[in-house]
C-alpha atoms as a PDB file:
ATOM      1  CA  UNK A   1      -8.456  -0.782  18.455  1.00  0.00           C
ATOM      2  CA  UNK A   2      -7.998  -4.407  17.314  1.00  0.00           C
ATOM      3  CA  UNK A   3      -4.556  -5.947  16.996  1.00  0.00           C
ATOM      4  CA  UNK A   4      -2.867  -5.082  13.704  1.00  0.00           C
ATOM      5  CA  UNK A   5      -2.312  -8.411  11.919  1.00  0.00           C
ATOM      6  CA  UNK A   6      -0.895  -9.141   8.496  1.00  0.00           C
ATOM      7  CA  UNK A   7      -4.385 -10.063   7.228  1.00  0.00           C
ATOM      8  CA  UNK A   8      -5.780  -6.727   8.433  1.00  0.00           C
ATOM      9  CA  UNK A   9      -2.925  -4.884   6.747  1.00  0.00           C
ATOM     10  CA  UNK A  10      -3.460  -6.777   3.478  1.00  0.00           C
ATOM     11  CA  UNK A  11      -7.208  -6.045   3.464  1.00  0.00           C
ATOM     12  CA  UNK A  12      -6.648  -2.376   4.232  1.00  0.00           C
ATOM     13  CA  UNK A  13      -3.997  -1.921   1.570  1.00  0.00           C
ATOM     14  CA  UNK A  14      -6.100  -3.751  -1.028  1.00  0.00           C
ATOM     15  CA  UNK A  15      -9.085  -1.479  -0.304  1.00  0.00           C
ATOM     16  CA  UNK A  16      -6.980   1.656  -0.666  1.00  0.00           C
ATOM     17  CA  UNK A  17      -5.271   0.392  -3.811  1.00  0.00           C
ATOM     18  CA  UNK A  18      -8.599  -0.514  -5.426  1.00  0.00           C
ATOM     19  CA  UNK A  19      -9.906   2.997  -4.736  1.00  0.00           C
ATOM     20  CA  UNK A  20      -6.848   4.433  -6.470  1.00  0.00           C
ATOM     21  CA  UNK A  21      -7.009   2.186  -9.538  1.00  0.00           C
ATOM     22  CA  UNK A  22      -9.213  -0.862 -10.164  1.00  0.00           C
ATOM     23  CA  UNK A  23      -6.468  -2.626 -12.151  1.00  0.00           C
ATOM     24  CA  UNK A  24      -4.022  -2.707  -9.229  1.00  0.00           C
ATOM     25  CA  UNK A  25      -3.386  -5.955  -7.380  1.00  0.00           C
ATOM     26  CA  UNK A  26      -1.482  -6.466  -4.146  1.00  0.00           C
ATOM     27  CA  UNK A  27       1.047  -9.263  -4.690  1.00  0.00           C
ATOM     28  CA  UNK A  28       2.795  -9.338  -1.336  1.00  0.00           C
ATOM     29  CA  UNK A  29       2.872  -7.626   2.036  1.00  0.00           C
ATOM     30  CA  UNK A  30       6.029  -8.245   4.051  1.00  0.00           C
ATOM     31  CA  UNK A  31       7.262  -6.754   7.287  1.00  0.00           C
ATOM     32  CA  UNK A  32      10.454  -4.712   6.917  1.00  0.00           C
ATOM     33  CA  UNK A  33      13.690  -5.951   8.462  1.00  0.00           C
ATOM     34  CA  UNK A  34      13.657  -3.369  11.248  1.00  0.00           C
ATOM     35  CA  UNK A  35      10.006  -4.196  11.999  1.00  0.00           C
ATOM     36  CA  UNK A  36       8.629  -0.655  11.898  1.00  0.00           C
ATOM     37  CA  UNK A  37       6.740  -0.955   8.614  1.00  0.00           C
ATOM     38  CA  UNK A  38       5.578  -3.034   5.698  1.00  0.00           C
ATOM     39  CA  UNK A  39       6.882  -3.406   2.150  1.00  0.00           C
ATOM     40  CA  UNK A  40       3.991  -3.725  -0.287  1.00  0.00           C
ATOM     41  CA  UNK A  41       4.437  -5.153  -3.780  1.00  0.00           C
ATOM     42  CA  UNK A  42       1.818  -4.015  -6.293  1.00  0.00           C
ATOM     43  CA  UNK A  43       1.065  -5.233  -9.817  1.00  0.00           C
ATOM     44  CA  UNK A  44      -0.546  -3.243 -12.627  1.00  0.00           C
ATOM     45  CA  UNK A  45      -0.563  -4.052 -16.326  1.00  0.00           C
ATOM     46  CA  UNK A  46       2.250  -6.582 -15.944  1.00  0.00           C
ATOM     47  CA  UNK A  47       4.540  -4.165 -14.085  1.00  0.00           C
ATOM     48  CA  UNK A  48       5.454  -4.467 -10.437  1.00  0.00           C
ATOM     49  CA  UNK A  49       6.469  -1.839  -7.927  1.00  0.00           C
ATOM     50  CA  UNK A  50       6.990  -1.528  -4.208  1.00  0.00           C
ATOM     51  CA  UNK A  51       6.080   0.906  -1.470  1.00  0.00           C
ATOM     52  CA  UNK A  52       7.368   1.058   2.097  1.00  0.00           C
ATOM     53  CA  UNK A  53       4.685   2.096   4.571  1.00  0.00           C
ATOM     54  CA  UNK A  54       5.214   2.702   8.278  1.00  0.00           C
ATOM     55  CA  UNK A  55       3.073   0.781  10.761  1.00  0.00           C
ATOM     56  CA  UNK A  56       1.814   3.930  12.470  1.00  0.00           C
ATOM     57  CA  UNK A  57       0.346   5.175   9.168  1.00  0.00           C
ATOM     58  CA  UNK A  58      -1.571   1.907   8.685  1.00  0.00           C
ATOM     59  CA  UNK A  59      -2.727   1.884  12.316  1.00  0.00           C
ATOM     60  CA  UNK A  60      -3.996   5.455  12.000  1.00  0.00           C
ATOM     61  CA  UNK A  61      -5.870   4.570   8.797  1.00  0.00           C
ATOM     62  CA  UNK A  62      -7.521   1.525  10.394  1.00  0.00           C
ATOM     63  CA  UNK A  63      -8.469   3.593  13.451  1.00  0.00           C
ATOM     64  CA  UNK A  64      -9.884   6.350  11.241  1.00  0.00           C
ATOM     65  CA  UNK A  65      -7.278   8.869  12.330  1.00  0.00           C
ATOM     66  CA  UNK A  66      -5.867  11.887  10.619  1.00  0.00           C
ATOM     67  CA  UNK A  67      -3.121  10.092   8.648  1.00  0.00           C
ATOM     68  CA  UNK A  68      -5.531   8.732   6.029  1.00  0.00           C
ATOM     69  CA  UNK A  69      -4.004  10.837   3.278  1.00  0.00           C
ATOM     70  CA  UNK A  70      -0.489   9.538   3.997  1.00  0.00           C
ATOM     71  CA  UNK A  71      -1.454   5.938   3.236  1.00  0.00           C
ATOM     72  CA  UNK A  72      -3.163   6.929  -0.020  1.00  0.00           C
ATOM     73  CA  UNK A  73      -0.159   9.068  -0.940  1.00  0.00           C
ATOM     74  CA  UNK A  74       2.349   6.254  -0.321  1.00  0.00           C
ATOM     75  CA  UNK A  75       0.391   3.707  -2.350  1.00  0.00           C
ATOM     76  CA  UNK A  76      -0.482   6.304  -4.964  1.00  0.00           C
ATOM     77  CA  UNK A  77       3.175   6.964  -5.680  1.00  0.00           C
ATOM     78  CA  UNK A  78       3.826   3.280  -6.318  1.00  0.00           C
ATOM     79  CA  UNK A  79       0.733   2.952  -8.520  1.00  0.00           C
ATOM     80  CA  UNK A  80       1.410   6.120 -10.510  1.00  0.00           C
ATOM     81  CA  UNK A  81       4.987   5.014 -11.125  1.00  0.00           C
ATOM     82  CA  UNK A  82       3.592   1.884 -12.798  1.00  0.00           C
ATOM     83  CA  UNK A  83       1.339   4.023 -14.995  1.00  0.00           C
ATOM     84  CA  UNK A  84       4.197   5.929 -16.609  1.00  0.00           C
ATOM     85  CA  UNK A  85       4.626   4.909 -20.238  1.00  0.00           C
ATOM     86  CA  UNK A  86       8.017   5.362 -21.854  1.00  0.00           C
ATOM     87  CA  UNK A  87       8.191   6.168 -25.543  1.00  0.00           C
ATOM     88  CA  UNK A  88      10.483   4.076 -27.699  1.00  0.00           C
END
């Protein structure tokens, strides 16, 4: 398996996010303070949200492992939270 770099993580997360919703953009991907994951900032319809994703989940997705659904679930929660419309 190739070395997991920030560029690889960004490409992977963008692909998954685009499959979830075409209007979603990845604004930033930063490593967490403890170094065991990434904090992803997503943008949709002018709203931003974040998701924390562990490195092992991203590595398993890149390798084609069995944790594919966990990555989609983590990003999906952030994206669906942005889709909620509040009535005024």
